[in-house]
Amino acid sequence: MKEGEDDGKPIVGGRLQLLDGTIYYENSGGFEVEVSATGRATSTYQLNRRLGTPEFSLGDIVFYSGSFTFPILADSREVTIKMRNSSYLRSCWHNAEWSANFVLNSRRA
């Protein structure tokens, strides 16, 4: 990152706080995302279709396309994100993106 006001010197002191992530998938049966951050327990978020939802009918295998957003809420240097499919159904991930805030440690006056 560069400062725009003064002389364009790079900002060196700060951290990137990840807020959430989004995975785009196509023709997938289900998967899970594990978020492991230093100092806290691993959180698991699942994309699966359950009995009782309008798209799900007993005895049919249905694949879905779309996006799946999950919270991260951790420093980018201290987090690990894993995408996993532990079922027999396929998963096809197109891309992943994240949103974050850059927090400045200090600024020159």
N, C-alpha and C. Protein backbone atom coordinates (compact mmCIF):
# COMPACT_ATOMS: atom_id res chain seq x y z
N MET A 1 0.84 -1.18 0.00
CA MET A 1 0.00 0.00 0.00
C MET A 1 0.88 1.24 0.00
N LYS A 2 0.41 2.28 -0.62
CA LYS A 2 1.13 3.54 -0.68
C LYS A 2 0.26 4.66 -0.13
N GLU A 3 0.92 5.59 0.54
CA GLU A 3 0.21 6.78 0.99
C GLU A 3 -0.01 7.69 -0.20
N GLY A 4 -1.18 8.27 -0.32
CA GLY A 4 -1.47 9.11 -1.46
C GLY A 4 -1.23 10.59 -1.21
N GLU A 5 -1.25 11.03 0.03
CA GLU A 5 -1.20 12.46 0.34
C GLU A 5 0.20 13.05 0.24
N ASP A 6 1.16 12.42 0.90
CA ASP A 6 2.48 13.03 1.03
C ASP A 6 3.41 12.67 -0.12
N ASP A 7 4.37 11.82 0.17
CA ASP A 7 5.41 11.52 -0.80
C ASP A 7 5.32 10.11 -1.38
N GLY A 8 4.28 9.37 -1.10
CA GLY A 8 4.10 8.05 -1.68
C GLY A 8 4.95 6.96 -1.08
N LYS A 9 5.51 7.18 0.11
CA LYS A 9 6.31 6.13 0.76
C LYS A 9 5.39 5.00 1.21
N PRO A 10 5.89 3.76 1.16
CA PRO A 10 5.04 2.63 1.53
C PRO A 10 4.71 2.60 3.02
N ILE A 11 3.54 2.10 3.33
CA ILE A 11 3.14 1.89 4.71
C ILE A 11 3.73 0.55 5.13
N VAL A 12 4.49 0.53 6.22
CA VAL A 12 5.12 -0.71 6.62
C VAL A 12 4.57 -1.28 7.91
N GLY A 13 3.89 -0.50 8.70
CA GLY A 13 3.40 -0.97 9.99
C GLY A 13 1.90 -1.14 10.00
N GLY A 14 1.44 -2.36 10.02
CA GLY A 14 0.00 -2.59 10.07
C GLY A 14 -0.30 -4.07 9.97
N ARG A 15 -1.58 -4.37 10.02
CA ARG A 15 -1.99 -5.76 9.88
C ARG A 15 -3.24 -5.86 9.04
N LEU A 16 -3.39 -6.99 8.38
CA LEU A 16 -4.55 -7.25 7.54
C LEU A 16 -5.51 -8.14 8.33
N GLN A 17 -6.64 -7.58 8.73
CA GLN A 17 -7.65 -8.29 9.50
C GLN A 17 -8.69 -8.86 8.54
N LEU A 18 -8.67 -10.18 8.35
CA LEU A 18 -9.62 -10.84 7.45
C LEU A 18 -11.00 -10.88 8.10
N LEU A 19 -12.01 -10.48 7.35
CA LEU A 19 -13.38 -10.44 7.87
C LEU A 19 -14.16 -11.69 7.48
N ASP A 20 -14.24 -11.96 6.19
CA ASP A 20 -14.96 -13.15 5.74
C ASP A 20 -14.40 -13.63 4.41
N GLY A 21 -14.80 -14.83 4.05
CA GLY A 21 -14.37 -15.42 2.79
C GLY A 21 -15.59 -15.92 2.03
N THR A 22 -15.45 -16.01 0.72
CA THR A 22 -16.51 -16.53 -0.13
C THR A 22 -15.91 -17.53 -1.10
N ILE A 23 -16.55 -18.69 -1.23
CA ILE A 23 -16.14 -19.71 -2.18
C ILE A 23 -17.23 -19.84 -3.22
N TYR A 24 -16.84 -19.82 -4.49
CA TYR A 24 -17.78 -20.00 -5.59
C TYR A 24 -17.65 -21.44 -6.08
N TYR A 25 -18.77 -22.12 -6.18
CA TYR A 25 -18.77 -23.54 -6.52
C TYR A 25 -19.81 -23.83 -7.60
N GLU A 26 -19.63 -24.96 -8.28
CA GLU A 26 -20.57 -25.38 -9.32
C GLU A 26 -20.72 -26.89 -9.28
N ASN A 27 -21.95 -27.36 -9.42
CA ASN A 27 -22.26 -28.80 -9.45
C ASN A 27 -21.60 -29.53 -8.28
N SER A 28 -21.84 -29.04 -7.08
CA SER A 28 -21.24 -29.61 -5.88
C SER A 28 -22.31 -30.18 -4.97
N GLY A 29 -21.97 -31.29 -4.32
CA GLY A 29 -22.90 -31.93 -3.40
C GLY A 29 -22.80 -31.39 -1.99
N GLY A 30 -21.67 -30.87 -1.61
CA GLY A 30 -21.47 -30.34 -0.26
C GLY A 30 -19.99 -30.33 0.09
N PHE A 31 -19.61 -29.47 1.01
CA PHE A 31 -18.23 -29.39 1.47
C PHE A 31 -18.21 -28.62 2.78
N GLU A 32 -17.03 -28.53 3.38
CA GLU A 32 -16.89 -27.77 4.62
C GLU A 32 -15.63 -26.93 4.56
N VAL A 33 -15.64 -25.86 5.34
CA VAL A 33 -14.51 -24.95 5.43
C VAL A 33 -14.09 -24.90 6.90
N GLU A 34 -12.79 -25.10 7.16
CA GLU A 34 -12.25 -25.02 8.51
C GLU A 34 -11.42 -23.75 8.63
N VAL A 35 -11.70 -22.95 9.66
CA VAL A 35 -10.95 -21.73 9.93
C VAL A 35 -10.23 -21.93 11.26
N SER A 36 -8.89 -21.95 11.22
CA SER A 36 -8.07 -22.14 12.41
C SER A 36 -7.23 -20.89 12.63
N ALA A 37 -7.45 -20.22 13.74
CA ALA A 37 -6.69 -19.02 14.08
C ALA A 37 -5.93 -19.26 15.38
N THR A 38 -4.77 -18.63 15.50
CA THR A 38 -3.96 -18.76 16.70
C THR A 38 -4.75 -18.29 17.91
N GLY A 39 -4.77 -19.11 18.95
CA GLY A 39 -5.40 -18.71 20.20
C GLY A 39 -6.89 -19.00 20.30
N ARG A 40 -7.45 -19.67 19.32
CA ARG A 40 -8.87 -20.03 19.42
C ARG A 40 -9.13 -21.37 18.74
N ALA A 41 -10.25 -21.97 19.08
CA ALA A 41 -10.61 -23.28 18.54
C ALA A 41 -10.94 -23.18 17.06
N THR A 42 -10.74 -24.28 16.35
CA THR A 42 -11.08 -24.34 14.92
C THR A 42 -12.58 -24.29 14.74
N SER A 43 -13.03 -23.45 13.81
CA SER A 43 -14.45 -23.34 13.48
C SER A 43 -14.69 -24.03 12.14
N THR A 44 -15.77 -24.79 12.05
CA THR A 44 -16.11 -25.50 10.82
C THR A 44 -17.46 -25.02 10.31
N TYR A 45 -17.51 -24.66 9.03
CA TYR A 45 -18.73 -24.19 8.39
C TYR A 45 -19.04 -25.12 7.24
N GLN A 46 -20.28 -25.61 7.19
CA GLN A 46 -20.65 -26.62 6.20
C GLN A 46 -21.65 -26.10 5.19
N LEU A 47 -21.43 -26.50 3.95
CA LEU A 47 -22.43 -26.30 2.90
C LEU A 47 -22.97 -27.68 2.59
N ASN A 48 -24.20 -27.90 2.98
CA ASN A 48 -24.87 -29.16 2.64
C ASN A 48 -26.36 -28.90 2.59
N ARG A 49 -27.05 -29.73 1.88
CA ARG A 49 -28.50 -29.59 1.74
C ARG A 49 -29.16 -30.63 2.63
N ARG A 50 -30.15 -30.22 3.38
CA ARG A 50 -30.78 -31.09 4.35
C ARG A 50 -32.19 -31.47 3.95
N LEU A 51 -32.61 -32.60 4.45
CA LEU A 51 -33.97 -33.07 4.26
C LEU A 51 -34.93 -32.04 4.83
N GLY A 52 -35.95 -31.71 4.07
CA GLY A 52 -36.92 -30.71 4.51
C GLY A 52 -36.82 -29.42 3.74
N THR A 53 -35.72 -29.20 3.02
CA THR A 53 -35.61 -28.01 2.19
C THR A 53 -36.29 -28.29 0.86
N PRO A 54 -36.82 -27.28 0.18
CA PRO A 54 -37.57 -27.51 -1.05
C PRO A 54 -36.78 -28.19 -2.17
N GLU A 55 -35.45 -27.96 -2.23
CA GLU A 55 -34.65 -28.54 -3.31
C GLU A 55 -34.33 -30.01 -3.08
N PHE A 56 -34.48 -30.47 -1.86
CA PHE A 56 -34.04 -31.82 -1.49
C PHE A 56 -35.22 -32.78 -1.54
N SER A 57 -35.05 -33.88 -2.24
CA SER A 57 -36.07 -34.93 -2.21
C SER A 57 -35.38 -36.26 -1.94
N LEU A 58 -36.00 -37.06 -1.15
CA LEU A 58 -35.43 -38.32 -0.71
C LEU A 58 -35.13 -39.24 -1.90
N GLY A 59 -33.92 -39.78 -1.92
CA GLY A 59 -33.54 -40.70 -2.97
C GLY A 59 -32.86 -40.05 -4.17
N ASP A 60 -32.89 -38.73 -4.27
CA ASP A 60 -32.25 -38.04 -5.39
C ASP A 60 -30.92 -37.45 -4.96
N ILE A 61 -29.94 -37.49 -5.85
CA ILE A 61 -28.68 -36.80 -5.63
C ILE A 61 -28.75 -35.51 -6.42
N VAL A 62 -28.65 -34.39 -5.71
CA VAL A 62 -28.78 -33.08 -6.34
C VAL A 62 -27.48 -32.32 -6.13
N PHE A 63 -26.99 -31.68 -7.20
CA PHE A 63 -25.80 -30.86 -7.12
C PHE A 63 -26.19 -29.40 -7.25
N TYR A 64 -25.46 -28.54 -6.56
CA TYR A 64 -25.81 -27.13 -6.48
C TYR A 64 -24.67 -26.27 -7.00
N SER A 65 -25.02 -25.06 -7.42
CA SER A 65 -24.05 -24.05 -7.86
C SER A 65 -24.36 -22.76 -7.13
N GLY A 66 -23.32 -21.98 -6.85
CA GLY A 66 -23.55 -20.70 -6.18
C GLY A 66 -22.33 -20.24 -5.43
N SER A 67 -22.57 -19.52 -4.33
CA SER A 67 -21.48 -19.02 -3.49
C SER A 67 -21.78 -19.35 -2.04
N PHE A 68 -20.72 -19.50 -1.26
CA PHE A 68 -20.82 -19.84 0.15
C PHE A 68 -19.92 -18.88 0.91
N THR A 69 -20.51 -18.06 1.79
CA THR A 69 -19.75 -17.07 2.56
C THR A 69 -19.63 -17.56 4.00
N PHE A 70 -18.44 -17.39 4.58
CA PHE A 70 -18.18 -17.84 5.94
C PHE A 70 -17.34 -16.78 6.67
N PRO A 71 -17.50 -16.65 8.00
CA PRO A 71 -16.71 -15.66 8.75
C PRO A 71 -15.28 -16.15 8.99
N ILE A 72 -14.34 -15.21 9.00
CA ILE A 72 -12.95 -15.53 9.32
C ILE A 72 -12.56 -14.80 10.61
N LEU A 73 -12.63 -13.47 10.60
CA LEU A 73 -12.38 -12.63 11.77
C LEU A 73 -11.06 -12.95 12.47
N ALA A 74 -9.95 -12.83 11.72
CA ALA A 74 -8.63 -13.12 12.27
C ALA A 74 -7.56 -12.36 11.50
N ASP A 75 -6.40 -12.20 12.14
CA ASP A 75 -5.23 -11.62 11.51
C ASP A 75 -4.76 -12.55 10.39
N SER A 76 -4.46 -12.00 9.23
CA SER A 76 -4.10 -12.82 8.07
C SER A 76 -2.83 -13.64 8.29
N ARG A 77 -1.95 -13.20 9.17
CA ARG A 77 -0.71 -13.93 9.43
C ARG A 77 -0.90 -15.10 10.40
N GLU A 78 -2.06 -15.14 11.07
CA GLU A 78 -2.27 -16.14 12.11
C GLU A 78 -3.50 -17.01 11.87
N VAL A 79 -3.86 -17.21 10.60
CA VAL A 79 -5.04 -18.00 10.30
C VAL A 79 -4.74 -18.99 9.17
N THR A 80 -5.36 -20.16 9.26
CA THR A 80 -5.29 -21.17 8.22
C THR A 80 -6.72 -21.53 7.82
N ILE A 81 -6.98 -21.55 6.52
CA ILE A 81 -8.31 -21.86 6.01
C ILE A 81 -8.19 -23.10 5.12
N LYS A 82 -8.98 -24.12 5.43
CA LYS A 82 -8.96 -25.37 4.65
C LYS A 82 -10.36 -25.65 4.11
N MET A 83 -10.42 -26.01 2.84
CA MET A 83 -11.67 -26.45 2.22
C MET A 83 -11.57 -27.96 2.08
N ARG A 84 -12.63 -28.66 2.47
CA ARG A 84 -12.57 -30.11 2.49
C ARG A 84 -13.90 -30.71 2.08
N ASN A 85 -13.82 -31.80 1.35
CA ASN A 85 -15.01 -32.57 1.01
C ASN A 85 -14.81 -33.97 1.58
N SER A 86 -15.60 -34.32 2.57
CA SER A 86 -15.46 -35.64 3.20
C SER A 86 -16.59 -36.59 2.81
N SER A 87 -17.37 -36.21 1.81
CA SER A 87 -18.46 -37.09 1.36
C SER A 87 -18.10 -37.73 0.02
N TYR A 88 -18.94 -38.62 -0.42
CA TYR A 88 -18.71 -39.27 -1.71
C TYR A 88 -19.16 -38.39 -2.88
N LEU A 89 -19.87 -37.30 -2.59
CA LEU A 89 -20.33 -36.40 -3.64
C LEU A 89 -19.22 -35.46 -4.05
N ARG A 90 -19.21 -35.06 -5.30
CA ARG A 90 -18.13 -34.22 -5.83
C ARG A 90 -18.27 -32.77 -5.37
N SER A 91 -17.15 -32.06 -5.45
CA SER A 91 -17.12 -30.61 -5.23
C SER A 91 -16.28 -29.98 -6.33
N CYS A 92 -16.77 -28.90 -6.88
CA CYS A 92 -16.04 -28.17 -7.92
C CYS A 92 -15.97 -26.71 -7.50
N TRP A 93 -14.80 -26.27 -7.04
CA TRP A 93 -14.61 -24.90 -6.58
C TRP A 93 -13.99 -24.08 -7.70
N HIS A 94 -14.61 -22.96 -8.03
CA HIS A 94 -14.10 -22.10 -9.09
C HIS A 94 -13.06 -21.12 -8.57
N ASN A 95 -13.41 -20.39 -7.56
CA ASN A 95 -12.48 -19.43 -6.98
C ASN A 95 -12.91 -19.10 -5.56
N ALA A 96 -12.02 -18.41 -4.87
CA ALA A 96 -12.28 -17.97 -3.50
C ALA A 96 -11.83 -16.53 -3.39
N GLU A 97 -12.53 -15.78 -2.56
CA GLU A 97 -12.16 -14.39 -2.31
C GLU A 97 -12.35 -14.08 -0.84
N TRP A 98 -11.75 -13.00 -0.40
CA TRP A 98 -11.88 -12.59 0.99
C TRP A 98 -12.05 -11.08 1.06
N SER A 99 -12.61 -10.61 2.17
CA SER A 99 -12.67 -9.18 2.43
C SER A 99 -11.95 -8.93 3.75
N ALA A 100 -11.33 -7.75 3.86
CA ALA A 100 -10.48 -7.48 5.01
C ALA A 100 -10.40 -5.98 5.27
N ASN A 101 -9.91 -5.65 6.45
CA ASN A 101 -9.56 -4.28 6.80
C ASN A 101 -8.06 -4.24 7.05
N PHE A 102 -7.40 -3.20 6.54
CA PHE A 102 -5.99 -2.99 6.85
C PHE A 102 -5.93 -2.02 8.00
N VAL A 103 -5.35 -2.46 9.13
CA VAL A 103 -5.28 -1.64 10.34
C VAL A 103 -3.85 -1.13 10.48
N LEU A 104 -3.71 0.19 10.46
CA LEU A 104 -2.41 0.84 10.56
C LEU A 104 -1.94 0.86 12.00
N ASN A 105 -0.68 0.46 12.25
CA ASN A 105 -0.14 0.52 13.61
C ASN A 105 0.12 1.96 14.03
N SER A 106 0.72 2.73 13.16
CA SER A 106 1.01 4.13 13.46
C SER A 106 1.12 4.89 12.15
N ARG A 107 1.07 6.20 12.26
CA ARG A 107 1.18 7.04 11.07
C ARG A 107 2.06 8.24 11.38
N ARG A 108 2.86 8.63 10.40
CA ARG A 108 3.72 9.80 10.57
C ARG A 108 2.89 11.06 10.59
N ALA A 109 3.29 11.98 11.42
CA ALA A 109 2.58 13.26 11.47
C ALA A 109 3.27 14.29 10.60
